[in-house]
N, C-alpha and C. Protein backbone atom coordinates (compact mmCIF):
# COMPACT_ATOMS: atom_id res chain seq x y z
N MET A 1 -116.27 133.57 49.36
CA MET A 1 -115.59 134.70 48.37
C MET A 1 -116.65 135.08 47.56
N PRO A 2 -116.86 136.07 47.16
CA PRO A 2 -118.21 137.03 46.46
C PRO A 2 -118.25 136.14 45.15
N ALA A 3 -120.05 135.85 44.76
CA ALA A 3 -120.49 135.01 43.66
C ALA A 3 -119.25 135.94 42.42
N GLY A 4 -118.82 135.04 41.43
CA GLY A 4 -118.60 135.35 40.21
C GLY A 4 -117.18 135.70 40.61
N VAL A 5 -116.65 135.59 41.68
CA VAL A 5 -115.03 135.67 41.55
C VAL A 5 -114.29 134.03 41.77
N HIS A 6 -113.56 133.40 41.43
CA HIS A 6 -112.86 132.47 41.41
C HIS A 6 -111.93 132.55 41.62
N ARG A 7 -111.17 131.24 42.36
CA ARG A 7 -109.69 130.91 42.61
C ARG A 7 -108.73 131.43 41.65
N ILE A 8 -109.02 130.48 40.46
CA ILE A 8 -108.45 129.96 39.35
C ILE A 8 -109.11 130.70 37.76
N ARG A 9 -108.00 131.25 37.60
CA ARG A 9 -108.68 132.06 35.83
C ARG A 9 -108.93 130.94 35.15
N ALA A 10 -110.13 131.05 34.78
CA ALA A 10 -110.42 130.14 33.33
C ALA A 10 -109.75 130.04 32.47
N ARG A 11 -109.63 128.90 31.44
CA ARG A 11 -108.61 128.74 30.72
C ARG A 11 -109.51 128.55 29.15
N THR A 12 -109.25 128.61 28.30
CA THR A 12 -110.13 128.90 27.00
C THR A 12 -109.71 127.17 26.63
N PHE A 13 -111.01 126.46 26.37
CA PHE A 13 -110.68 124.76 25.92
C PHE A 13 -111.99 124.81 24.99
N ARG A 14 -111.68 124.41 23.44
CA ARG A 14 -112.52 124.62 22.74
C ARG A 14 -112.74 123.14 21.97
N PRO A 15 -112.87 122.22 22.38
CA PRO A 15 -112.91 120.71 21.88
C PRO A 15 -114.33 120.46 20.75
N GLU A 16 -114.33 119.85 19.77
CA GLU A 16 -115.27 119.86 18.41
C GLU A 16 -116.16 119.89 19.58
N PRO A 17 -117.74 120.19 19.15
CA PRO A 17 -118.74 119.69 19.96
C PRO A 17 -119.43 118.53 19.96
N GLN A 18 -119.19 117.48 18.54
CA GLN A 18 -119.24 116.19 19.13
C GLN A 18 -118.73 115.11 20.24
N LEU A 19 -117.23 115.78 19.87
CA LEU A 19 -116.22 114.99 20.94
C LEU A 19 -116.77 115.41 22.25
N TYR A 20 -116.67 116.74 22.21
CA TYR A 20 -117.55 117.27 23.86
C TYR A 20 -118.44 116.57 24.11
N GLU A 21 -119.75 116.40 23.35
CA GLU A 21 -120.89 115.51 24.20
C GLU A 21 -120.45 114.01 24.21
N GLN A 22 -119.64 113.47 23.52
CA GLN A 22 -119.12 112.24 23.49
C GLN A 22 -118.42 112.10 24.91
N ALA A 23 -117.52 112.90 25.21
CA ALA A 23 -116.94 113.15 26.43
C ALA A 23 -117.40 113.29 27.94
N LYS A 24 -118.31 114.03 27.72
CA LYS A 24 -119.68 114.50 29.07
C LYS A 24 -120.19 113.15 29.23
N ALA A 25 -120.31 112.23 27.95
CA ALA A 25 -121.24 111.03 28.58
C ALA A 25 -120.34 110.10 28.94
N ALA A 26 -118.96 110.18 28.26
CA ALA A 26 -118.21 108.98 28.90
C ALA A 26 -117.52 109.54 30.49
N VAL A 27 -117.94 110.47 31.02
CA VAL A 27 -117.17 110.81 32.47
C VAL A 27 -118.64 110.33 33.19
N ALA A 28 -119.60 110.85 32.58
CA ALA A 28 -120.57 110.38 33.27
C ALA A 28 -120.96 108.98 33.38
N GLU A 29 -120.63 108.22 32.37
CA GLU A 29 -120.68 106.55 32.99
C GLU A 29 -119.60 106.15 33.83
N VAL A 30 -118.57 107.08 34.07
CA VAL A 30 -117.56 106.32 35.24
C VAL A 30 -117.76 107.62 36.27
N ASP A 31 -119.09 107.74 36.60
CA ASP A 31 -119.06 108.58 37.78
C ASP A 31 -118.14 109.89 37.97
N SER A 32 -117.72 110.47 37.03
CA SER A 32 -116.71 111.43 36.95
C SER A 32 -117.66 112.92 36.18
N ASP A 33 -116.50 113.67 36.18
CA ASP A 33 -116.67 115.06 35.46
C ASP A 33 -115.43 115.39 34.66
N MET A 34 -115.99 116.49 33.81
CA MET A 34 -115.05 117.09 32.69
C MET A 34 -114.00 117.63 33.18
N ASN A 35 -113.86 118.54 34.45
CA ASN A 35 -112.89 118.76 35.31
C ASN A 35 -112.26 117.87 35.80
N ALA A 36 -112.43 117.20 36.49
CA ALA A 36 -111.37 115.84 36.87
C ALA A 36 -110.95 114.82 35.81
N HIS A 37 -111.47 114.93 34.80
CA HIS A 37 -110.69 113.99 33.77
C HIS A 37 -109.69 114.72 32.98
N ILE A 38 -109.54 115.97 32.91
CA ILE A 38 -108.95 116.80 31.80
C ILE A 38 -107.80 117.23 33.09
N ASN A 39 -107.88 117.37 34.31
CA ASN A 39 -106.95 117.44 35.35
C ASN A 39 -105.78 116.25 35.10
N ALA A 40 -106.72 115.01 35.79
CA ALA A 40 -106.17 113.75 35.92
C ALA A 40 -105.26 113.24 34.11
N PHE A 41 -105.72 113.40 33.31
CA PHE A 41 -105.19 113.83 32.06
C PHE A 41 -103.51 114.74 32.17
N LEU A 42 -104.06 115.77 32.46
CA LEU A 42 -102.79 116.72 32.28
C LEU A 42 -101.61 116.42 33.45
N ARG A 43 -101.80 115.93 34.65
CA ARG A 43 -101.18 115.30 35.66
C ARG A 43 -100.36 114.10 34.85
N TRP A 44 -101.08 113.25 34.27
CA TRP A 44 -100.39 112.26 33.41
C TRP A 44 -99.75 112.42 32.39
N LEU A 45 -99.81 113.65 31.54
CA LEU A 45 -99.40 114.41 30.53
C LEU A 45 -97.78 114.88 31.15
N ILE A 46 -97.88 115.56 32.44
CA ILE A 46 -96.66 116.01 32.72
C ILE A 46 -95.93 115.15 33.46
N ARG A 47 -95.89 113.92 33.30
CA ARG A 47 -95.45 112.79 34.44
C ARG A 47 -95.43 112.97 35.68
N GLU A 48 -96.43 113.41 36.16
CA GLU A 48 -96.98 113.67 37.85
C GLU A 48 -97.39 112.26 38.07
N THR A 49 -97.69 111.77 37.27
CA THR A 49 -98.54 110.32 37.79
C THR A 49 -98.29 109.10 36.53
N ASP A 50 -98.59 108.05 36.66
CA ASP A 50 -98.40 107.36 35.59
C ASP A 50 -99.82 107.07 35.33
N GLU A 51 -101.10 106.86 36.36
CA GLU A 51 -102.30 106.56 35.97
C GLU A 51 -103.22 107.55 35.53
N LEU A 52 -103.64 107.19 34.45
CA LEU A 52 -104.34 107.66 33.58
C LEU A 52 -105.80 107.81 34.32
N PRO A 53 -106.69 108.55 34.05
CA PRO A 53 -108.20 108.61 34.55
C PRO A 53 -109.07 107.43 33.99
N PRO A 54 -110.35 106.90 34.44
CA PRO A 54 -110.59 105.98 34.17
C PRO A 54 -111.33 106.32 32.94
N ARG A 55 -111.75 105.18 32.09
CA ARG A 55 -112.71 105.30 31.08
C ARG A 55 -114.09 104.09 30.51
N PRO A 56 -114.72 104.36 30.56
CA PRO A 56 -115.85 103.36 30.37
C PRO A 56 -115.72 102.21 29.33
N ALA A 57 -116.03 100.90 29.94
CA ALA A 57 -115.77 99.90 28.94
C ALA A 57 -115.99 100.15 27.72
N LYS A 58 -115.19 99.58 26.89
CA LYS A 58 -115.71 99.40 25.21
C LYS A 58 -116.85 98.81 25.20
N LYS A 59 -117.86 99.22 24.25
CA LYS A 59 -118.89 98.85 23.75
C LYS A 59 -118.68 97.85 22.81
N SER A 60 -119.53 96.66 23.07
CA SER A 60 -119.27 95.47 22.25
C SER A 60 -120.26 95.91 20.40
N ALA A 61 -119.74 95.46 19.53
CA ALA A 61 -119.84 95.52 18.28
C ALA A 61 -121.45 95.15 17.79
N ALA A 62 -122.12 94.36 18.90
CA ALA A 62 -123.31 94.37 19.25
C ALA A 62 -124.46 95.32 19.32
N SER A 63 -123.74 95.97 20.44
CA SER A 63 -124.38 97.36 21.16
C SER A 63 -124.63 98.33 20.17
């Protein structure tokens, strides 16, 4: 496939900047990436699966 040509057309996704940065850090903590997590959440949303994507452990109040 030539450079710049993709199988799937890009979609517009505009999260709030701070939310996006926090989400990038969270998916990195569970050894994943934003694309995999968004797709997994959408599969859950349309009831294709009952399994939500993993998320990092809750931080304690002392952290």
